[in-house]
Amino acid sequence: MSLTVTIPGRPPQLANGRMLWPVKARLVASVKAKAWGLMVNARNEAGKSRATEPRTLRITAFVCAPLYDEGNLHANVKAHEDAAVAAGWIVDD
């Protein structure tokens, strides 16, 4: 089974950002909410139920310069991973 969703925009700089925690929390919450809505929509349109078994999640980010290294990219898309769990695409580990 494969579900695909396109989340427009660049992943926010969360890994090395120099922002206050409430600002970062609001940013993460808005990213999660946007991704969650798109993912729930895609799951429902495909007629799939919530995940009950382990699944693989592949996130492809199309980023123009400056590029993220692998560690920072993973940290910057963590909110999208959390949204996938909340949307029922994958089970929480």
Protein backbone atom coordinates (compact mmCIF):
# COMPACT_ATOMS: atom_id res chain seq x y z
CA MET A 1 0.00 0.00 0.00
CA SER A 2 1.29 3.41 -0.89
CA LEU A 3 -0.14 6.80 -0.02
CA THR A 4 1.29 10.01 -1.39
CA VAL A 5 0.70 13.56 -0.27
CA THR A 6 2.45 16.74 -1.36
CA ILE A 7 2.96 19.30 1.36
CA PRO A 8 3.84 22.59 -0.29
CA GLY A 9 6.61 24.79 0.97
CA ARG A 10 10.03 24.30 2.44
CA PRO A 11 10.36 22.38 5.72
CA PRO A 12 10.88 24.98 8.47
CA GLN A 13 14.30 25.40 10.04
CA LEU A 14 13.70 23.76 13.41
CA ALA A 15 16.99 21.99 14.09
CA ASN A 16 19.30 24.95 14.49
CA GLY A 17 16.81 27.76 14.67
CA ARG A 18 17.48 30.49 17.20
CA MET A 19 13.89 31.16 18.19
CA LEU A 20 12.15 31.27 21.53
CA TRP A 21 10.36 28.06 22.51
CA PRO A 22 6.80 29.48 22.28
CA VAL A 23 7.48 30.72 18.75
CA LYS A 24 8.93 27.35 17.78
CA ALA A 25 5.98 25.53 19.41
CA ARG A 26 3.47 27.58 17.37
CA LEU A 27 5.43 26.92 14.18
CA VAL A 28 5.59 23.16 14.85
CA ALA A 29 1.87 23.08 15.69
CA SER A 30 0.94 24.84 12.45
CA VAL A 31 3.16 22.52 10.38
CA LYS A 32 1.66 19.45 12.08
CA ALA A 33 -1.91 20.69 11.60
CA LYS A 34 -1.38 21.41 7.90
CA ALA A 35 0.35 18.07 7.25
CA TRP A 36 -2.21 16.17 9.35
CA GLY A 37 -5.12 17.58 7.34
CA LEU A 38 -3.53 16.68 4.01
CA MET A 39 -2.61 13.19 5.22
CA VAL A 40 -6.04 12.40 6.67
CA ASN A 41 -7.62 13.59 3.42
CA ALA A 42 -5.35 11.32 1.34
CA ARG A 43 -5.99 8.32 3.62
CA ASN A 44 -9.76 8.82 3.51
CA GLU A 45 -9.82 9.32 -0.27
CA ALA A 46 -7.88 6.06 -0.68
CA GLY A 47 -10.39 4.29 1.59
CA LYS A 48 -7.66 3.09 3.95
CA SER A 49 -8.10 2.54 7.66
CA ARG A 50 -5.74 3.70 10.40
CA ALA A 51 -2.46 1.81 10.59
CA THR A 52 -2.43 -1.09 13.03
CA GLU A 53 0.81 -2.71 11.87
CA PRO A 54 4.24 -1.22 11.24
CA ARG A 55 4.55 0.58 7.91
CA THR A 56 7.32 2.43 6.16
CA LEU A 57 7.14 6.20 5.84
CA ARG A 58 9.22 7.82 3.12
CA ILE A 59 9.50 11.59 3.14
CA THR A 60 10.95 13.25 0.07
CA ALA A 61 11.83 16.90 0.47
CA PHE A 62 12.47 19.09 -2.53
CA VAL A 63 14.68 21.83 -1.14
CA CYS A 64 16.36 24.65 -3.01
CA ALA A 65 19.53 26.18 -1.59
CA PRO A 66 20.67 26.30 1.14
CA LEU A 67 20.60 22.54 1.48
CA TYR A 68 20.09 20.72 4.77
CA ASP A 69 22.47 17.97 5.81
CA GLU A 70 20.85 14.61 6.65
CA GLY A 71 20.65 15.20 10.41
CA ASN A 72 19.10 18.64 10.10
CA LEU A 73 16.70 17.47 7.40
CA HIS A 74 15.44 14.68 9.66
CA ALA A 75 14.95 17.12 12.54
CA ASN A 76 13.16 19.59 10.28
CA VAL A 77 10.63 17.02 9.02
CA LYS A 78 9.97 15.51 12.47
CA ALA A 79 6.71 17.48 12.68
CA HIS A 80 5.61 15.79 9.44
CA GLU A 81 6.43 12.36 10.92
CA ASP A 82 4.36 13.19 14.00
CA ALA A 83 1.48 14.27 11.75
CA ALA A 84 1.68 10.93 9.91
CA VAL A 85 1.24 9.11 13.24
CA ALA A 86 -1.69 11.34 14.21
CA ALA A 87 -3.28 10.86 10.78
CA GLY A 88 -3.12 7.08 11.08
CA TRP A 89 -0.61 6.49 8.31
CA ILE A 90 1.88 4.78 10.60
CA VAL A 91 1.85 3.44 14.14
CA ASP A 92 3.78 5.19 16.91
CA ASP A 93 6.99 3.48 17.92
